[in-house]
Amino acid sequence: MDFQNRAGSKPGSGGVAGGSESNIDRRERLRKLALETIDLAKDPYFMKNHLGSYECKLCLTLHNNEGSYLAHTQGKKHQTNLARRAAKDAHDTQNVATKDGAAQMGAAGMGGVGPRIVPKKVAVKIGRPGYKVTKIRDPMTRQLGLLFQIQYPETDDGIRPRHRFMSAYEQRQEEPNKAFQYLLFAAEPYETIAFKVQSKEIDKTEGRFWTFWDPDARQFHLQFFFKTERPGQYGGGAPGAGVMDRGRAAMMGMSGPPPGLNPLNPFGGAPPLQPPTFVNQ
């Protein structure tokens, strides 16, 4: 049999290659060509995983070797995803340019005063501040209260600590209990701290609720009293008319109660009662 003159054959060959053999040969030629012309270190979608295989981050495909990945980059799927990604990037860039132009036009139409995007400030927290809590009691009205002293030694100049009362149903740290409320203190760069106090109405009349920020000592003071059910029943005075507590008086440069007078007993300094006199009838 004459194999030399057979159609599509040459001496020493095994005949005409089929479709699968042609595909294998084509992929091999493409792989060799890509290895010579493409630098994988500059490919943003090429990644080697911890198993030693190669992945395409754009198409989410897995490949055993670099040649397989390079052959994939020349395929239809990878080229289609590249076109989609380029179209999306162009669309996003155009939207950003349109928004910037509209903001500039609005600012020009308003005389240079327009909407300005202020970047959100992210402060690095350095920990919790030091604090001291003192129980106090008004000697006249017998109202119970609390004095908070919070230390912020690392705060910047111009920053004043803030505070607010929070209901038990606003917090997400523990089960809500209507018998308690929370007092929060915040100042950058310290973490926000909260104190759990009784859920009673706060007396905010004149002289009963006050705050003081000492910029030299970097200490924030807050004092408040709880309202009583029947104010003024002790000591015969109205709320707010009692003696100033010693802590606040010392801070304001005032002297405390006179010597010999117990601040917790306003009747301790009164003269003793005279014994009764009996008259024989």
Protein backbone atom coordinates (compact mmCIF):
# COMPACT_ATOMS: atom_id res chain seq x y z
CA MET A 1 0.00 0.00 0.00
CA ASP A 2 1.31 3.41 -0.96
CA PHE A 3 1.38 5.61 2.15
CA GLN A 4 3.60 8.25 0.57
CA ASN A 5 1.02 9.60 -1.88
CA ARG A 6 -1.88 9.38 0.55
CA ALA A 7 -3.87 12.63 0.80
CA GLY A 8 -2.79 14.83 3.73
CA SER A 9 0.06 12.62 4.85
CA LYS A 10 3.81 12.81 4.73
CA PRO A 11 6.52 10.15 5.08
CA GLY A 12 6.87 8.96 8.67
CA SER A 13 3.52 10.31 9.87
CA GLY A 14 0.57 8.43 11.23
CA GLY A 15 -2.03 9.98 8.97
CA VAL A 16 -4.32 12.99 9.21
CA ALA A 17 -4.77 14.33 12.77
CA GLY A 18 -8.27 14.42 14.22
CA GLY A 19 -10.08 17.31 15.91
CA SER A 20 -8.86 16.57 19.44
CA GLU A 21 -5.25 16.30 18.33
CA SER A 22 -5.55 19.62 16.50
CA ASN A 23 -6.94 21.34 19.61
CA ILE A 24 -4.15 19.97 21.79
CA ASP A 25 -1.54 21.18 19.29
CA ARG A 26 -3.17 24.61 19.07
CA ARG A 27 -3.25 25.06 22.84
CA GLU A 28 0.38 24.00 23.12
CA ARG A 29 1.45 26.52 20.50
CA LEU A 30 -0.55 29.26 22.23
CA ARG A 31 1.01 28.37 25.57
CA LYS A 32 4.54 28.59 24.23
CA LEU A 33 3.77 31.88 22.50
CA ALA A 34 2.22 33.35 25.66
CA LEU A 35 5.15 32.28 27.82
CA GLU A 36 7.45 34.18 25.52
CA THR A 37 5.41 37.38 25.30
CA ILE A 38 3.41 37.71 28.57
CA ASP A 39 4.83 38.53 32.00
CA LEU A 40 2.60 36.88 34.63
CA ALA A 41 4.01 39.09 37.39
CA LYS A 42 2.14 42.05 35.85
CA ASP A 43 -1.17 40.21 35.45
CA PRO A 44 -3.59 41.54 38.14
CA TYR A 45 -5.84 38.48 37.87
CA PHE A 46 -3.13 35.82 38.21
CA MET A 47 -2.81 34.29 41.69
CA LYS A 48 -1.05 31.27 43.11
CA ASN A 49 -2.93 29.66 46.00
CA HIS A 50 -1.62 27.75 49.01
CA LEU A 51 -2.04 24.41 47.20
CA GLY A 52 0.40 25.32 44.45
CA SER A 53 -2.30 25.73 41.81
CA TYR A 54 -3.05 28.87 39.85
CA GLU A 55 -6.30 30.83 39.88
CA CYS A 56 -7.88 33.47 37.69
CA LYS A 57 -9.46 36.04 40.00
CA LEU A 58 -11.52 37.47 37.17
CA CYS A 59 -13.14 34.24 35.99
CA LEU A 60 -12.74 32.25 39.23
CA THR A 61 -11.11 29.30 37.46
CA LEU A 62 -8.44 26.89 38.72
CA HIS A 63 -5.38 25.80 36.68
CA ASN A 64 -2.66 23.24 37.31
CA ASN A 65 0.22 25.15 35.68
CA GLU A 66 1.11 28.47 34.14
CA GLY A 67 0.60 27.19 30.62
CA SER A 68 -2.97 26.25 31.40
CA TYR A 69 -3.63 29.72 32.82
CA LEU A 70 -2.08 31.40 29.78
CA ALA A 71 -4.19 29.29 27.47
CA HIS A 72 -7.25 30.34 29.50
CA THR A 73 -6.38 34.03 29.08
CA GLN A 74 -6.55 33.59 25.30
CA GLY A 75 -9.96 31.96 25.48
CA LYS A 76 -13.41 33.43 24.88
CA LYS A 77 -14.53 33.40 28.53
CA HIS A 78 -11.59 35.42 29.82
CA GLN A 79 -11.75 37.91 26.96
CA THR A 80 -15.49 38.45 27.51
CA ASN A 81 -14.99 39.09 31.24
CA LEU A 82 -12.19 41.53 30.45
CA ALA A 83 -14.51 43.49 28.17
CA ARG A 84 -17.24 43.58 30.81
CA ARG A 85 -14.82 44.78 33.47
CA ALA A 86 -13.48 47.54 31.23
CA ALA A 87 -17.03 48.72 30.44
CA LYS A 88 -17.93 48.80 34.14
CA ASP A 89 -14.79 50.78 35.05
CA ALA A 90 -15.53 53.32 32.31
CA HIS A 91 -19.13 53.69 33.53
CA ASP A 92 -18.06 54.26 37.14
CA THR A 93 -15.45 56.81 36.09
CA GLN A 94 -18.02 58.71 34.06
CA ASN A 95 -20.48 58.81 36.99
CA VAL A 96 -17.83 60.17 39.34
CA ALA A 97 -16.85 62.87 36.84
CA THR A 98 -20.52 63.83 36.38
CA LYS A 99 -21.10 64.19 40.13
CA ASP A 100 -17.96 66.29 40.57
CA GLY A 101 -18.99 68.57 37.72
CA ALA A 102 -22.49 69.03 39.12
CA ALA A 103 -21.09 69.87 42.56
CA GLN A 104 -18.74 72.46 41.06
CA MET A 105 -21.54 74.02 39.01
CA GLY A 106 -23.77 74.18 42.09
CA ALA A 107 -21.01 75.84 44.09
CA ALA A 108 -20.41 78.39 41.33
CA GLY A 109 -24.13 79.19 41.07
CA MET A 110 -24.34 79.79 44.83
CA GLY A 111 -21.44 82.21 44.88
CA GLY A 112 -18.80 79.65 45.72
CA VAL A 113 -20.78 78.14 48.61
CA GLY A 114 -21.96 74.67 47.71
CA PRO A 115 -22.21 71.17 49.08
CA ARG A 116 -18.85 70.00 50.24
CA ILE A 117 -18.04 66.39 50.98
CA VAL A 118 -16.31 66.17 54.33
CA PRO A 119 -14.39 62.94 54.84
CA LYS A 120 -15.33 61.01 57.94
CA LYS A 121 -12.77 61.37 60.68
CA VAL A 122 -11.55 58.07 62.07
CA ALA A 123 -9.84 58.40 65.45
CA VAL A 124 -7.62 55.68 66.86
CA LYS A 125 -8.86 54.74 70.33
CA ILE A 126 -6.17 54.58 73.01
CA GLY A 127 -8.17 52.98 75.83
CA ARG A 128 -10.53 53.87 78.64
CA PRO A 129 -10.08 57.02 80.75
CA GLY A 130 -9.62 56.98 84.52
CA TYR A 131 -12.64 57.81 86.63
CA LYS A 132 -13.87 58.28 90.19
CA VAL A 133 -17.49 58.09 91.36
CA THR A 134 -18.59 59.59 94.69
CA LYS A 135 -21.98 59.19 96.35
CA ILE A 136 -23.32 62.48 97.71
CA ARG A 137 -26.36 63.61 99.68
CA ASP A 138 -27.82 67.04 100.14
CA PRO A 139 -27.89 67.88 103.88
CA MET A 140 -31.06 69.94 103.62
CA THR A 141 -33.31 68.11 101.18
CA ARG A 142 -31.82 64.64 101.78
CA GLN A 143 -31.59 64.11 98.02
CA LEU A 144 -29.20 61.40 96.89
CA GLY A 145 -26.81 62.09 94.02
CA LEU A 146 -23.56 61.14 92.30
CA LEU A 147 -20.37 63.03 91.49
CA PHE A 148 -18.35 61.77 88.49
CA GLN A 149 -14.72 62.76 87.89
CA ILE A 150 -13.33 61.55 84.54
CA GLN A 151 -9.64 61.95 83.62
CA TYR A 152 -8.72 62.71 79.97
CA PRO A 153 -4.98 63.49 80.06
CA GLU A 154 -4.35 62.83 76.34
CA THR A 155 -7.16 64.92 74.82
CA ASP A 156 -6.28 67.67 72.35
CA ASP A 157 -6.84 71.33 73.02
CA GLY A 158 -10.31 72.48 72.08
CA ILE A 159 -11.98 69.12 72.74
CA ARG A 160 -14.57 69.15 75.50
CA PRO A 161 -15.94 65.82 76.81
CA ARG A 162 -19.59 65.08 76.16
CA HIS A 163 -22.19 63.16 78.15
CA ARG A 164 -25.72 61.93 77.80
CA PHE A 165 -28.24 59.69 79.55
CA MET A 166 -29.29 56.52 77.72
CA SER A 167 -32.34 54.39 78.33
CA ALA A 168 -31.88 50.69 79.06
CA TYR A 169 -33.73 49.90 75.82
CA GLU A 170 -31.19 51.79 73.67
CA GLN A 171 -28.17 49.72 74.62
CA ARG A 172 -27.31 46.30 73.15
CA GLN A 173 -24.80 45.04 75.74
CA GLU A 174 -27.18 43.35 78.18
CA GLU A 175 -30.83 42.58 78.71
CA PRO A 176 -32.95 45.76 79.12
CA ASN A 177 -34.02 46.49 82.66
CA LYS A 178 -36.38 49.41 83.20
CA ALA A 179 -35.05 49.90 86.73
CA PHE A 180 -31.73 51.24 85.40
CA GLN A 181 -30.41 53.82 82.95
CA TYR A 182 -26.93 54.58 81.62
CA LEU A 183 -24.77 57.71 81.78
CA LEU A 184 -22.27 57.92 78.90
CA PHE A 185 -19.05 59.97 78.68
CA ALA A 186 -17.12 60.43 75.42
CA ALA A 187 -13.99 62.33 74.40
CA GLU A 188 -11.50 61.55 71.64
CA PRO A 189 -9.23 59.67 71.49
CA TYR A 190 -10.57 57.65 74.44
CA GLU A 191 -13.22 54.97 74.33
CA THR A 192 -16.77 55.83 75.35
CA ILE A 193 -17.54 54.66 78.89
CA ALA A 194 -20.96 54.19 80.52
CA PHE A 195 -22.17 53.97 84.12
CA LYS A 196 -25.28 52.08 85.18
CA VAL A 197 -27.43 54.17 87.54
CA GLN A 198 -30.95 53.99 88.91
CA SER A 199 -33.72 54.89 86.53
CA LYS A 200 -35.02 57.83 88.57
CA GLU A 201 -35.87 61.31 87.38
CA ILE A 202 -32.90 63.68 87.46
CA ASP A 203 -33.32 67.00 89.26
CA LYS A 204 -32.18 69.62 86.72
CA THR A 205 -33.25 72.73 88.61
CA GLU A 206 -30.85 75.59 89.22
CA GLY A 207 -27.77 74.47 91.11
CA ARG A 208 -28.72 70.80 91.23
CA PHE A 209 -27.22 69.59 87.94
CA TRP A 210 -23.87 70.97 86.79
CA THR A 211 -20.79 70.08 84.76
CA PHE A 212 -17.26 71.48 84.82
CA TRP A 213 -14.30 70.87 82.49
CA ASP A 214 -10.85 71.68 83.88
CA PRO A 215 -8.57 72.15 80.80
CA ASP A 216 -5.44 72.36 82.94
CA ALA A 217 -5.97 69.16 84.91
CA ARG A 218 -7.80 67.51 81.96
CA GLN A 219 -10.59 66.43 84.29
CA PHE A 220 -14.33 66.49 83.61
CA HIS A 221 -16.78 66.79 86.52
CA LEU A 222 -20.50 66.04 86.50
CA GLN A 223 -22.82 66.14 89.51
CA PHE A 224 -26.54 65.50 89.72
CA PHE A 225 -29.23 64.67 92.25
CA PHE A 226 -32.23 62.39 91.97
CA LYS A 227 -35.63 63.94 92.51
CA THR A 228 -37.48 62.98 95.69
CA GLU A 229 -41.16 62.13 95.86
CA ARG A 230 -41.88 64.95 98.34
CA PRO A 231 -39.12 67.57 98.03
CA GLY A 232 -38.65 69.96 100.92
CA GLN A 233 -40.11 67.66 103.57
CA TYR A 234 -36.72 67.49 105.36
CA GLY A 235 -35.09 70.62 106.70
CA GLY A 236 -37.99 72.89 105.72
CA GLY A 237 -36.28 74.07 102.50
CA ALA A 238 -37.19 73.87 98.87
CA PRO A 239 -35.07 71.89 96.43
CA GLY A 240 -32.06 73.91 95.46
CA ALA A 241 -32.06 75.90 98.69
CA GLY A 242 -29.90 73.43 100.63
CA VAL A 243 -26.26 73.72 101.59
CA MET A 244 -23.76 73.34 98.74
CA ASP A 245 -21.90 70.04 98.92
CA ARG A 246 -18.27 70.14 100.06
CA GLY A 247 -16.85 68.79 96.78
CA ARG A 248 -18.30 71.55 94.64
CA ALA A 249 -17.55 74.20 97.26
CA ALA A 250 -13.88 73.20 97.37
CA MET A 251 -13.63 73.32 93.57
CA MET A 252 -15.13 76.81 93.47
CA GLY A 253 -12.78 78.09 96.18
CA MET A 254 -15.41 78.31 98.86
CA SER A 255 -15.21 77.03 102.40
CA GLY A 256 -17.29 74.15 103.61
CA PRO A 257 -19.88 74.10 106.38
CA PRO A 258 -19.00 75.84 109.63
CA PRO A 259 -17.09 73.80 112.22
CA GLY A 260 -19.19 71.92 114.69
CA LEU A 261 -22.06 71.45 112.24
CA ASN A 262 -22.61 67.95 110.92
CA PRO A 263 -23.38 68.32 107.16
CA LEU A 264 -25.52 65.18 107.28
CA ASN A 265 -27.54 66.45 110.26
CA PRO A 266 -28.68 70.07 109.90
CA PHE A 267 -30.15 69.94 113.43
CA GLY A 268 -26.90 68.80 115.05
CA GLY A 269 -25.74 72.37 115.72
CA ALA A 270 -29.02 73.59 117.19
CA PRO A 271 -29.09 74.42 120.92
CA PRO A 272 -30.42 71.60 123.12
CA LEU A 273 -34.01 71.80 124.19
CA GLN A 274 -34.68 73.03 127.76
CA PRO A 275 -36.08 70.41 130.10
CA PRO A 276 -39.74 70.92 130.96
CA THR A 277 -40.62 72.70 134.22
CA PHE A 278 -43.25 71.14 136.47
CA VAL A 279 -45.39 73.41 138.67
CA ASN A 280 -47.13 72.02 141.77
CA GLN A 281 -50.81 72.78 141.75
